[in-house]
Amino acid sequence: MLAHVRRYAEEWFDLDRDLAPFYRLTDADPLLREVGQTLRGLRMVGIPDLFEAACWGIIGQQINLPFAYALKKRFTETFGSSVQHEGETYWSFPKPEAVAALEPPDIAALQMTTRKSEYLIGVAGRVADGTLDKRELEAADWAEAEKRLTAIRGIGPWTAHYVMMRCLRMAEALPAADVGLQHAIRIAAGMDRKPTAAEVREQARAWAGWEAYATFYLWRTLY
C-alpha cells in the first residue's frame, strides 16, 4: 500500500523528471528566463487518472477557469463518492462506469451544455470498456497519442494536448491555441496583441522537448 501511495505521489508531482536541462533552456531563453528563475523547483502537478484528465479538459473547453472549477466541483459531488474524516468531507472523482450509465440531461442539469454532457458520457464509455487506455497511449509517441485522442468525439487538439501534458506526461505537448498561453506570451514578449497558434508553435521550436513545461511555467505567470 505504501509503495502504491509513493508511486502515485511521484507521478502526481512528476518527481522522476530531471529538470536541470529545462533550466539550462530557460536561462538561455529571453522569454522564459525570468519565470524560470522565479519558479525554479516547481514541478508540473499532474492528473494521474486518464478519465479525470479527459473530463477536466472537456469541462474546461471555451469557458473561464472559475466556472470550469465550479462545474467540476458539481460534477464530482453529484456523481462521485465521498468519505468523512474528522468532520471534513473528501470527494473522489466519479468512476467512468458510473458516468457511462448516465443520460445527457443528468449532466446538463449541472449547467453543462448538452454537447459536453454527451462528450463526457462517450469518453466514460471508452475508458470503462478499455478502448481508451492510458498505458496504450503512454506507449505511443506524442503524435500518435494526439491522433488517437482527437479521433474521439469531444476531444480536439487543445483537450488532447492538455491530457498529454497533465496525464501522459508527454514533454512535447503544446496547446498552442490556448488563450491563457497566448496571453502569457504576449505579456512576457511585450507584444501589443496575442500571438496566433502558428506563432506560438514557431516560438516553441526553441523549447523542443520541454514544450509542456514551458507552457506550465508561462501559465503560472497569470496567477
Foldseek 3Di string as FASTA:
>chain_A
DVVVVVVVVCLQQVVVDDCVVVQVLQCPDLLRVVLCVVQPPHGAGFDADLLVLLLLLLLPPPDDDVVSVQLQVCQQVVAWDWDDDPRDIDTDRHQLVSLLPDQLVVSCVSVGDSQSSVLSNQVSVCVVVVVDDLVVLLVDALVVQQVVQCVRPSDHLQSSLSSCVRHSVQQQRANLQDPLLQVLSCVSVVHPDGDHSVVSVVVCVSVPSHNSVSSVSSSVVVD
